[in-house]
Amino acid sequence: MNTKNIIIIGSGLGGLSAALRLSSLGHKVTVLEKHSTAGGRLNQIKADEFTFDLGPSFMSMTYELKELFESCGIDMPVRLVELNPIYQVYFEDREKPFRIWKDLNKLEQEFAGIEPDLAKKAERYLKRAGQIFHDTEYRVVKRNFKNKLDYILKLTRVPPKHLPFLFKNMWKEVENNFSSEEIRIIFSLVAFFLGSTPFQTPAIYTILNYTELKHDGYWKIEGGMYRLVEALVKLLEERNVKIVYNTEVTGVEHTNGTLNAVVDQNGKQWKADLFIANADAASFRGTILHRPNYSEKHLDAMDWTLAPFTVYLGVRGKIDGLMHHNYFLGSNFRGYADTIFTSTISPQKPYYYVNVPTKSYSECAPEGCENVFILCPVPDLRFKKDWSDKEQLADTIISDLSKRTGFDIQKNTLQRITLSPVEWADMLNLYKGSGLGLAHGMNQVGAFRPRNKDEKLSNLYYVGASTVPGTGLPMVIISSKLVLERILNDNGSVLKN
């Protein structure tokens, strides 16, 4: 493949990974970024002496990150640290949290008297999930498809024993394997990592339990998740990749099925041979390309992941009851999950996740202080448009967290930043504030997901969460490899593994 001039729209992890792969092959790459910093959702917020990770706070399938750097001839530029226990879960009616260990014998001890023979049950459950994972990894996940027929033909190569998992939800599968409500809930929490609930998520995604407890686990990056973005930006600078900040793509110029240029907010045209959009692959087609099939009406009819409601707190003192990763749940899991997607009001007893990076590294806060990041999944802007009550919801969560940890967070708050779906939508062009883009129902995966090559413009490609293979840090890294493969094949080259 001859050297190409390539423009990447957006500097999320997918865009940065694609830029690294392409620049390592000698192509000239320019990244256009709306904001003054790179990273997209994988970003950070600074407030006085506090530094917060904006979104992702850990990752799984870290071998995909290692593959990215190894394929470009680069030693791992960040230090990964495994989480074990991986997190703890507080239930509303229980003072002491459950610690979730990868060691199944330790996990069984944690639930002694609650779930008999847990290690044996979990081993059987995870073995089945592992079989699904390894039987689909290269046949379905890490593969481009020519069309829907090609995708369906590839699915026929998956062992038939896995087919039932496509037609039942995750909750049904955990219900069939475990007797206690607590374990069923904990094993189904991974559905929320997909921005969904276990009652909407197909049982095939029990593979996420396998990746968290068996296959690779969860890992943090020493110094904070944004260290990964900083490392990627440095590597790209060394390869003469130019990142142009404060530049938002608002239009395109094309003729005869070829994209000639993208146009920024100032009317400047950016020309290239090839273009890769790291914006949402569905909404970009609608808002920028004005495709009828991706109009607001059609986009609204698609299944989107839950929106993020986030609170960033700089707190005076140390909160002894918290670990690095914590979940706080109520007492009506099914009822909460059934209403959270489409509610028009803020949750009265919200379920939420709390990340406290100062439990792992102190440099993100002043001495003697805690850095607290709270994430509460909420309905997107299709359902709840008015978020003028965002501070009241933040107060509700902080009050609940204070009560359950025995620490007066409100009284000791030094910094507080609240972001509702409105801010998330505006900040990162997330469609209606959806946190992770398109959801992962069977009608929105594989070839039924927006393709990573545009259907009309021959030199426009896509990378990121809403194209193949899906959402999550490892998935968008795989996405960068799949789009590279697509580009090389289109230009007469073959990706060498």
Protein backbone atom coordinates (compact mmCIF):
# COMPACT_ATOMS: atom_id res chain seq x y z
CA MET A 1 0.00 0.00 0.00
CA ASN A 2 1.44 3.35 -1.07
CA THR A 3 1.84 6.07 1.54
CA LYS A 4 -1.50 7.76 2.19
CA ASN A 5 -2.52 11.07 3.68
CA ILE A 6 -5.09 10.11 6.32
CA ILE A 7 -7.32 12.26 8.52
CA ILE A 8 -8.84 10.80 11.69
CA ILE A 9 -11.84 12.64 13.13
CA GLY A 10 -11.65 12.39 16.92
CA SER A 11 -8.96 11.31 19.35
CA GLY A 12 -10.74 8.72 21.47
CA LEU A 13 -8.90 5.47 22.18
CA GLY A 14 -10.10 4.02 18.86
CA GLY A 15 -8.83 7.02 16.90
CA LEU A 16 -5.49 7.14 18.71
CA SER A 17 -4.99 3.39 18.26
CA ALA A 18 -5.78 3.61 14.54
CA ALA A 19 -3.39 6.56 14.22
CA LEU A 20 -0.61 4.56 15.88
CA ARG A 21 -1.14 1.53 13.66
CA LEU A 22 -1.25 3.59 10.44
CA SER A 23 1.66 5.89 11.30
CA SER A 24 3.77 2.85 12.23
CA LEU A 25 3.25 1.68 8.63
CA GLY A 26 4.57 4.99 7.34
CA HIS A 27 1.33 6.79 6.50
CA LYS A 28 0.89 10.50 7.11
CA VAL A 29 -1.80 10.91 9.75
CA THR A 30 -3.57 14.01 11.06
CA VAL A 31 -6.04 13.83 13.94
CA LEU A 32 -8.75 16.50 14.27
CA GLU A 33 -9.97 16.88 17.85
CA LYS A 34 -12.90 18.98 19.07
CA HIS A 35 -11.36 19.64 22.49
CA SER A 36 -8.07 20.98 23.78
CA THR A 37 -7.00 17.52 24.99
CA ALA A 38 -6.99 14.05 23.45
CA GLY A 39 -8.81 10.99 24.77
CA GLY A 40 -12.54 11.38 24.23
CA ARG A 41 -14.27 9.56 27.08
CA LEU A 42 -10.87 8.36 28.25
CA ASN A 43 -10.00 11.82 29.53
CA GLN A 44 -9.44 13.68 32.77
CA ILE A 45 -10.70 16.66 34.74
CA LYS A 46 -8.44 18.87 36.81
CA ALA A 47 -9.77 21.04 39.64
CA ASP A 48 -7.13 22.73 41.79
CA GLU A 49 -4.98 19.89 43.15
CA PHE A 50 -7.46 17.14 42.27
CA THR A 51 -7.19 15.11 39.04
CA PHE A 52 -10.14 12.92 38.06
CA ASP A 53 -10.45 10.25 35.38
CA LEU A 54 -13.41 11.45 33.30
CA GLY A 55 -14.85 8.06 32.38
CA PRO A 56 -13.22 4.60 32.17
CA SER A 57 -11.48 3.64 35.41
CA PHE A 58 -10.24 0.11 34.64
CA MET A 59 -9.99 -2.28 31.71
CA SER A 60 -10.13 -5.97 30.87
CA MET A 61 -8.63 -8.04 28.03
CA THR A 62 -5.36 -6.14 28.44
CA TYR A 63 -3.71 -8.47 25.93
CA GLU A 64 -5.47 -6.39 23.26
CA LEU A 65 -3.58 -3.34 24.50
CA LYS A 66 -0.36 -5.34 24.43
CA GLU A 67 -1.12 -6.49 20.87
CA LEU A 68 -1.56 -2.86 19.79
CA PHE A 69 1.90 -1.87 20.94
CA GLU A 70 3.62 -5.09 19.91
CA SER A 71 2.16 -4.84 16.38
CA CYS A 72 3.75 -1.39 16.14
CA GLY A 73 7.12 -2.55 17.51
CA ILE A 74 6.67 -0.70 20.82
CA ASP A 75 7.31 -1.82 24.39
CA MET A 76 4.34 -1.37 26.74
CA PRO A 77 4.54 2.33 27.70
CA VAL A 78 2.27 2.12 30.79
CA ARG A 79 2.28 -0.12 33.85
CA LEU A 80 -0.79 -2.30 34.32
CA VAL A 81 -1.75 -3.40 37.83
CA GLU A 82 -4.26 -6.20 38.36
CA LEU A 83 -7.23 -5.65 40.65
CA ASN A 84 -7.77 -8.44 43.18
CA PRO A 85 -10.23 -8.21 44.78
CA ILE A 86 -11.61 -6.62 41.65
CA TYR A 87 -14.32 -4.60 43.43
CA GLN A 88 -16.70 -4.66 46.37
CA VAL A 89 -20.49 -4.50 46.38
CA TYR A 90 -22.67 -2.80 48.98
CA PHE A 91 -26.30 -3.92 49.24
CA GLU A 92 -28.78 -1.54 50.84
CA ASP A 93 -29.86 -3.91 53.59
CA ARG A 94 -26.36 -5.11 54.48
CA GLU A 95 -23.75 -3.06 56.34
CA LYS A 96 -20.70 -5.06 55.28
CA PRO A 97 -19.85 -5.18 51.55
CA PHE A 98 -19.05 -8.30 49.55
CA ARG A 99 -15.54 -8.40 48.12
CA ILE A 100 -15.36 -10.01 44.69
CA TRP A 101 -12.26 -12.17 44.28
CA LYS A 102 -10.89 -13.90 41.20
CA ASP A 103 -9.92 -16.77 43.49
CA LEU A 104 -13.17 -18.74 43.53
CA ASN A 105 -12.38 -20.35 46.89
CA LYS A 106 -12.01 -16.90 48.44
CA LEU A 107 -15.20 -15.84 46.70
CA GLU A 108 -16.97 -18.87 48.20
CA GLN A 109 -15.79 -17.90 51.68
CA GLU A 110 -17.12 -14.38 51.11
CA PHE A 111 -20.60 -15.83 50.48
CA ALA A 112 -20.52 -18.58 53.10
CA GLY A 113 -24.04 -19.33 54.27
CA ILE A 114 -25.52 -17.44 51.31
CA GLU A 115 -24.60 -19.49 48.22
CA PRO A 116 -23.70 -23.15 48.92
CA ASP A 117 -20.93 -24.67 46.78
CA LEU A 118 -20.29 -21.33 45.09
CA ALA A 119 -16.81 -22.23 43.80
CA LYS A 120 -18.13 -25.36 42.08
CA LYS A 121 -21.14 -23.54 40.62
CA ALA A 122 -19.01 -20.60 39.45
CA GLU A 123 -16.43 -22.92 37.89
CA ARG A 124 -19.14 -24.65 35.86
CA TYR A 125 -20.75 -21.35 34.86
CA LEU A 126 -17.45 -19.77 33.85
CA LYS A 127 -16.34 -22.86 31.92
CA ARG A 128 -19.45 -22.59 29.76
CA ALA A 129 -18.94 -18.84 29.29
CA GLY A 130 -15.31 -19.48 28.37
CA GLN A 131 -16.33 -21.95 25.67
CA ILE A 132 -18.61 -19.31 24.14
CA PHE A 133 -15.82 -16.74 24.31
CA HIS A 134 -13.20 -18.87 22.57
CA ASP A 135 -15.65 -20.27 20.01
CA THR A 136 -16.70 -16.77 18.94
CA GLU A 137 -13.56 -14.66 19.47
CA TYR A 138 -12.06 -15.18 16.02
CA ARG A 139 -15.17 -16.33 14.17
CA VAL A 140 -17.29 -13.32 15.11
CA VAL A 141 -15.65 -10.67 17.31
CA LYS A 142 -12.28 -10.13 15.66
CA ARG A 143 -13.52 -10.21 12.08
CA ASN A 144 -14.79 -7.94 9.34
CA PHE A 145 -17.83 -9.01 7.35
CA LYS A 146 -18.66 -8.29 3.73
CA ASN A 147 -22.38 -8.06 4.43
CA LYS A 148 -25.14 -9.51 6.61
CA LEU A 149 -25.20 -12.78 4.66
CA ASP A 150 -21.46 -13.20 5.22
CA TYR A 151 -22.00 -12.57 8.93
CA ILE A 152 -24.80 -15.14 9.15
CA LEU A 153 -22.64 -17.70 7.34
CA LYS A 154 -19.83 -17.07 9.84
CA LEU A 155 -22.30 -17.58 12.69
CA THR A 156 -23.08 -21.05 11.32
CA ARG A 157 -19.49 -21.99 12.13
CA VAL A 158 -20.10 -21.33 15.83
CA PRO A 159 -20.94 -24.62 17.61
CA PRO A 160 -24.76 -25.03 17.73
CA LYS A 161 -24.65 -25.66 21.50
CA HIS A 162 -24.20 -21.89 21.98
CA LEU A 163 -27.32 -20.87 20.04
CA PRO A 164 -29.68 -20.90 23.05
CA PHE A 165 -27.57 -18.14 24.60
CA LEU A 166 -28.67 -15.82 21.80
CA PHE A 167 -32.33 -16.17 22.71
CA LYS A 168 -32.35 -15.79 26.49
CA ASN A 169 -31.16 -12.93 28.64
CA MET A 170 -28.22 -12.84 31.01
CA TRP A 171 -30.43 -12.80 34.10
CA LYS A 172 -32.05 -16.08 33.08
CA GLU A 173 -28.64 -17.70 32.77
CA VAL A 174 -27.40 -16.57 36.20
CA GLU A 175 -30.78 -17.54 37.65
CA ASN A 176 -30.31 -21.06 36.29
CA ASN A 177 -26.87 -21.38 37.88
CA PHE A 178 -27.08 -19.66 41.27
CA SER A 179 -29.68 -19.75 44.03
CA SER A 180 -29.04 -16.54 45.99
CA GLU A 181 -30.26 -13.15 44.83
CA GLU A 182 -26.96 -11.57 45.87
CA ILE A 183 -24.83 -13.79 43.63
CA ARG A 184 -27.27 -13.49 40.75
CA ILE A 185 -27.06 -9.71 40.94
CA ILE A 186 -23.28 -9.63 41.26
CA PHE A 187 -22.74 -11.94 38.29
CA SER A 188 -25.12 -9.84 36.20
CA LEU A 189 -23.50 -6.47 37.01
CA VAL A 190 -21.30 -6.85 33.93
CA ALA A 191 -24.36 -6.02 31.82
CA PHE A 192 -24.11 -2.47 33.13
CA PHE A 193 -20.58 -2.29 31.67
CA LEU A 194 -22.35 -2.59 28.30
CA GLY A 195 -24.62 0.28 29.28
CA SER A 196 -27.58 -2.05 29.63
CA THR A 197 -29.25 -4.31 32.20
CA PRO A 198 -29.11 -8.12 32.52
CA PHE A 199 -32.78 -8.30 31.56
CA GLN A 200 -32.08 -6.75 28.14
CA THR A 201 -28.60 -8.23 27.57
CA PRO A 202 -28.34 -11.58 25.73
CA ALA A 203 -26.94 -14.47 27.78
CA ILE A 204 -24.04 -14.76 25.36
CA TYR A 205 -22.49 -11.82 27.23
CA THR A 206 -21.80 -14.08 30.19
CA ILE A 207 -18.45 -14.10 28.40
CA LEU A 208 -17.77 -10.88 30.32
CA ASN A 209 -17.92 -12.84 33.59
CA TYR A 210 -15.30 -15.12 32.08
CA THR A 211 -13.01 -12.24 31.15
CA GLU A 212 -13.33 -10.62 34.60
CA LEU A 213 -12.94 -13.73 36.78
CA LYS A 214 -10.94 -16.18 34.67
CA HIS A 215 -9.46 -15.03 31.41
CA ASP A 216 -7.68 -11.78 32.18
CA GLY A 217 -9.36 -9.96 35.04
CA TYR A 218 -9.60 -6.21 35.57
CA TRP A 219 -6.61 -3.92 35.53
CA LYS A 220 -5.87 -0.33 36.44
CA ILE A 221 -3.12 1.80 34.96
CA GLU A 222 -0.61 3.08 37.45
CA GLY A 223 -1.04 6.82 37.86
CA GLY A 224 -4.55 6.86 36.40
CA MET A 225 -6.21 5.81 33.16
CA TYR A 226 -5.24 9.02 31.37
CA ARG A 227 -1.62 7.85 31.45
CA LEU A 228 -2.55 5.64 28.50
CA VAL A 229 -3.69 8.63 26.44
CA GLU A 230 -0.58 10.59 27.37
CA ALA A 231 1.60 7.66 26.30
CA LEU A 232 -0.23 7.30 22.97
CA VAL A 233 0.02 11.03 22.23
CA LYS A 234 3.76 10.96 22.92
CA LEU A 235 4.24 7.96 20.63
CA LEU A 236 2.23 9.66 17.88
CA GLU A 237 4.29 12.84 18.18
CA GLU A 238 7.42 10.72 17.71
CA ARG A 239 5.88 9.41 14.48
CA ASN A 240 5.07 12.94 13.26
CA VAL A 241 1.32 12.52 13.71
CA LYS A 242 -0.24 15.95 14.08
CA ILE A 243 -3.16 16.34 16.48
CA VAL A 244 -5.06 19.53 15.72
CA TYR A 245 -7.02 20.55 18.81
CA ASN A 246 -10.10 22.79 19.15
CA THR A 247 -11.22 21.61 15.70
CA GLU A 248 -14.68 20.14 15.32
CA VAL A 249 -15.82 18.57 12.05
CA THR A 250 -19.22 19.98 11.13
CA GLY A 251 -19.54 19.06 7.43
CA VAL A 252 -18.08 17.23 4.45
CA GLU A 253 -17.32 17.82 0.76
CA HIS A 254 -17.72 14.82 -1.57
CA THR A 255 -18.15 14.03 -5.27
CA ASN A 256 -18.89 10.81 -7.15
CA GLY A 257 -18.69 8.56 -4.08
CA THR A 258 -15.42 10.01 -2.80
CA LEU A 259 -14.96 12.12 0.32
CA ASN A 260 -12.73 15.03 -0.71
CA ALA A 261 -12.58 17.00 2.52
CA VAL A 262 -14.11 17.47 5.94
CA VAL A 263 -15.06 20.96 7.05
CA ASP A 264 -14.47 22.33 10.55
CA GLN A 265 -16.47 24.84 12.61
CA ASN A 266 -14.54 27.74 11.03
CA GLY A 267 -15.27 26.62 7.47
CA LYS A 268 -11.75 25.30 6.87
CA GLN A 269 -11.47 22.30 4.55
CA TRP A 270 -9.22 19.40 5.54
CA LYS A 271 -8.31 17.24 2.53
CA ALA A 272 -6.87 13.72 2.55
CA ASP A 273 -6.76 10.43 0.65
CA LEU A 274 -8.57 8.51 3.38
CA PHE A 275 -10.73 9.51 6.35
CA ILE A 276 -11.55 7.66 9.57
CA ALA A 277 -14.35 8.88 11.84
CA ASN A 278 -13.82 8.17 15.52
CA ALA A 279 -17.16 9.86 16.14
CA ASP A 280 -20.23 7.70 16.79
CA ALA A 281 -20.63 5.62 13.62
CA ALA A 282 -24.43 5.91 13.63
CA SER A 283 -24.98 9.54 14.60
CA PHE A 284 -22.10 10.73 12.35
CA ARG A 285 -23.95 9.27 9.38
CA GLY A 286 -27.04 11.17 10.47
CA THR A 287 -25.81 14.53 11.77
CA ILE A 288 -22.82 15.05 9.45
CA LEU A 289 -23.63 12.98 6.35
CA HIS A 290 -27.43 13.54 6.57
CA ARG A 291 -28.30 9.96 5.64
CA PRO A 292 -32.07 9.32 5.69
CA ASN A 293 -31.53 5.91 7.32
CA TYR A 294 -29.80 7.69 10.20
CA SER A 295 -32.21 10.59 10.69
CA GLU A 296 -33.15 11.55 14.24
CA LYS A 297 -36.32 9.46 13.91
CA HIS A 298 -34.32 6.38 12.90
CA LEU A 299 -31.60 6.99 15.47
CA ASP A 300 -34.18 7.37 18.24
CA ALA A 301 -35.65 4.00 17.27
CA MET A 302 -32.31 2.26 17.77
CA ASP A 303 -31.27 0.72 21.08
CA TRP A 304 -28.79 2.94 22.91
CA THR A 305 -26.79 2.37 26.06
CA LEU A 306 -27.65 4.13 29.29
CA ALA A 307 -26.48 7.70 29.78
CA PRO A 308 -23.86 8.59 32.42
CA PHE A 309 -24.60 10.85 35.37
CA THR A 310 -21.25 11.58 36.99
CA VAL A 311 -20.07 13.42 40.09
CA TYR A 312 -16.41 14.24 40.79
CA LEU A 313 -15.58 15.02 44.41
CA GLY A 314 -12.46 16.26 46.11
CA VAL A 315 -12.92 15.24 49.75
CA ARG A 316 -11.03 16.24 52.88
CA GLY A 317 -10.08 13.16 54.93
CA LYS A 318 -9.99 9.43 54.25
CA ILE A 319 -13.08 7.28 53.69
CA ASP A 320 -12.17 3.95 55.27
CA GLY A 321 -15.12 1.95 53.92
CA LEU A 322 -14.19 2.36 50.26
CA MET A 323 -11.81 0.47 47.97
CA HIS A 324 -10.61 1.61 44.55
CA HIS A 325 -13.78 0.17 42.91
CA ASN A 326 -17.17 -0.05 44.64
CA TYR A 327 -20.82 -0.66 43.72
CA PHE A 328 -23.76 0.58 45.78
CA LEU A 329 -27.05 -1.21 45.11
CA GLY A 330 -30.57 -0.92 46.45
CA SER A 331 -33.06 -3.61 47.44
CA ASN A 332 -35.22 -3.79 44.28
CA PHE A 333 -32.84 -4.81 41.52
CA ARG A 334 -35.45 -6.07 39.05
CA GLY A 335 -37.77 -3.11 39.53
CA TYR A 336 -34.92 -0.65 39.22
CA ALA A 337 -33.57 -2.27 36.06
CA ASP A 338 -37.02 -2.39 34.47
CA THR A 339 -37.55 1.37 34.79
CA ILE A 340 -34.08 2.89 34.51
CA PHE A 341 -33.99 2.92 30.69
CA THR A 342 -37.16 4.88 30.08
CA SER A 343 -37.82 6.87 33.25
CA THR A 344 -38.63 10.56 32.81
CA ILE A 345 -37.52 11.44 36.34
CA SER A 346 -34.26 11.03 38.26
CA PRO A 347 -33.98 7.78 40.25
CA GLN A 348 -35.18 8.21 43.84
CA LYS A 349 -32.91 5.48 45.22
CA PRO A 350 -30.13 5.37 42.64
CA TYR A 351 -27.71 2.51 42.08
CA TYR A 352 -24.21 3.78 41.45
CA TYR A 353 -20.51 2.99 41.06
CA VAL A 354 -17.79 4.72 43.09
CA ASN A 355 -14.16 4.92 41.98
CA VAL A 356 -11.59 6.14 44.52
CA PRO A 357 -8.19 6.29 42.77
CA THR A 358 -6.48 7.67 45.89
CA LYS A 359 -6.78 4.14 47.29
CA SER A 360 -4.17 3.14 44.70
CA TYR A 361 -2.11 6.28 44.03
CA SER A 362 -2.02 9.43 46.12
CA GLU A 363 -0.82 11.93 43.52
CA CYS A 364 -4.33 12.59 42.18
CA ALA A 365 -5.32 14.52 45.33
CA PRO A 366 -3.71 16.71 48.03
CA GLU A 367 -2.23 14.92 51.03
CA GLY A 368 -4.86 13.61 53.39
CA CYS A 369 -7.66 13.88 50.81
CA GLU A 370 -9.70 11.50 48.68
CA ASN A 371 -10.50 11.68 44.98
CA VAL A 372 -14.01 10.29 44.47
CA PHE A 373 -15.69 9.64 41.11
CA ILE A 374 -19.35 8.56 41.13
CA LEU A 375 -21.14 7.13 38.10
CA CYS A 376 -24.90 6.55 38.07
CA PRO A 377 -26.44 5.11 34.86
CA VAL A 378 -29.57 7.09 33.93
CA PRO A 379 -31.99 7.36 30.97
CA ASP A 380 -30.71 9.17 27.90
CA LEU A 381 -32.16 12.43 26.58
CA ARG A 382 -34.82 10.69 24.52
CA PHE A 383 -36.66 9.99 27.77
CA LYS A 384 -35.46 12.54 30.34
CA LYS A 385 -34.71 15.80 28.57
CA ASP A 386 -34.65 18.17 31.55
CA TRP A 387 -31.69 17.81 33.90
CA SER A 388 -32.15 21.05 35.83
CA ASP A 389 -32.40 18.79 38.90
CA LYS A 390 -28.89 17.40 38.46
CA GLU A 391 -27.53 18.87 41.71
CA GLN A 392 -30.47 17.42 43.66
CA LEU A 393 -29.67 13.96 42.28
CA ALA A 394 -26.00 14.47 43.17
CA ASP A 395 -27.07 15.44 46.72
CA THR A 396 -29.19 12.28 46.96
CA ILE A 397 -26.28 10.06 45.92
CA ILE A 398 -23.76 11.81 48.17
CA SER A 399 -26.13 11.60 51.14
CA ASP A 400 -26.65 7.88 50.54
CA LEU A 401 -22.91 7.28 50.15
CA SER A 402 -22.21 9.21 53.37
CA LYS A 403 -24.76 7.14 55.28
CA ARG A 404 -23.46 3.82 53.99
CA THR A 405 -19.78 4.59 54.59
CA GLY A 406 -20.21 6.44 57.89
CA PHE A 407 -18.32 9.46 56.55
CA ASP A 408 -19.87 12.92 56.08
CA ILE A 409 -18.86 13.57 52.48
CA GLN A 410 -21.02 16.67 52.04
CA LYS A 411 -19.42 18.41 55.00
CA ASN A 412 -15.90 17.58 53.79
CA THR A 413 -16.29 18.34 50.08
CA LEU A 414 -13.59 20.64 48.71
CA GLN A 415 -14.37 20.22 45.02
CA ARG A 416 -17.54 19.11 43.27
CA ILE A 417 -18.28 18.81 39.56
CA THR A 418 -21.56 17.31 38.29
CA LEU A 419 -22.11 16.21 34.69
CA SER A 420 -25.57 15.19 33.50
CA PRO A 421 -26.38 13.54 30.14
CA VAL A 422 -26.81 17.06 28.73
CA GLU A 423 -23.14 17.89 29.39
CA TRP A 424 -21.97 14.48 28.20
CA ALA A 425 -23.91 14.83 24.95
CA ASP A 426 -22.55 18.32 24.28
CA MET A 427 -19.01 17.59 25.40
CA LEU A 428 -18.39 14.43 23.36
CA ASN A 429 -21.16 14.50 20.73
CA LEU A 430 -22.73 11.43 22.34
CA TYR A 431 -26.10 10.81 20.74
CA LYS A 432 -28.81 11.92 23.23
CA GLY A 433 -26.17 11.49 25.94
CA SER A 434 -25.83 7.71 25.47
CA GLY A 435 -22.66 6.83 27.36
CA LEU A 436 -21.34 3.92 25.30
CA GLY A 437 -23.11 4.36 21.99
CA LEU A 438 -25.30 1.68 20.43
CA ALA A 439 -26.39 -1.20 22.65
CA HIS A 440 -25.50 -4.85 21.97
CA GLY A 441 -28.76 -6.64 21.25
CA MET A 442 -28.61 -9.31 18.56
CA ASN A 443 -29.97 -6.84 15.99
CA GLN A 444 -27.07 -4.44 16.66
CA VAL A 445 -23.97 -6.65 16.67
CA GLY A 446 -21.71 -7.98 13.95
CA ALA A 447 -22.91 -7.01 10.48
CA PHE A 448 -26.07 -5.55 12.02
CA ARG A 449 -23.96 -2.85 13.64
CA PRO A 450 -22.96 0.22 11.54
CA ARG A 451 -20.08 -0.95 9.33
CA ASN A 452 -16.53 0.31 9.72
CA LYS A 453 -16.54 1.26 6.03
CA ASP A 454 -19.02 3.80 4.73
CA GLU A 455 -21.69 2.42 2.43
CA LYS A 456 -21.50 5.34 -0.04
CA LEU A 457 -18.13 7.08 0.31
CA SER A 458 -15.35 4.70 -0.72
CA ASN A 459 -12.59 6.37 1.29
CA LEU A 460 -14.44 6.92 4.58
CA TYR A 461 -14.05 4.46 7.47
CA TYR A 462 -15.14 4.25 11.11
CA VAL A 463 -13.52 3.25 14.37
CA GLY A 464 -14.85 3.21 17.92
CA ALA A 465 -17.67 1.95 20.12
CA SER A 466 -20.66 2.15 17.77
CA THR A 467 -19.08 0.23 14.91
CA VAL A 468 -17.68 -3.33 15.03
CA PRO A 469 -17.05 -5.10 17.29
CA GLY A 470 -18.61 -2.93 20.03
CA THR A 471 -18.15 -0.87 23.15
CA GLY A 472 -15.47 -0.96 25.85
CA LEU A 473 -11.75 -0.16 25.83
CA PRO A 474 -10.55 -3.55 24.48
CA MET A 475 -13.30 -3.58 21.85
CA VAL A 476 -12.32 -0.19 20.43
CA ILE A 477 -8.69 -1.33 20.30
CA ILE A 478 -9.86 -4.37 18.30
CA SER A 479 -11.90 -1.91 16.22
CA SER A 480 -8.70 -0.09 15.26
CA LYS A 481 -7.20 -3.35 14.03
CA LEU A 482 -10.32 -4.23 12.04
CA VAL A 483 -10.43 -0.83 10.33
CA LEU A 484 -6.72 -1.14 9.49
CA GLU A 485 -7.41 -4.54 7.98
CA ARG A 486 -10.29 -3.07 5.96
CA ILE A 487 -8.15 -0.19 4.67
CA LEU A 488 -5.20 -2.42 3.74
CA ASN A 489 -7.41 -4.92 1.93
CA ASP A 490 -9.17 -2.13 0.03
CA ASN A 491 -5.80 -0.83 -1.10
CA GLY A 492 -4.32 -4.14 -2.22
CA SER A 493 -2.45 -5.01 0.95
CA VAL A 494 -2.95 -7.71 3.57
CA LEU A 495 -2.70 -7.26 7.31
CA LYS A 496 0.08 -9.46 8.67
CA ASN A 497 -0.62 -10.90 12.10
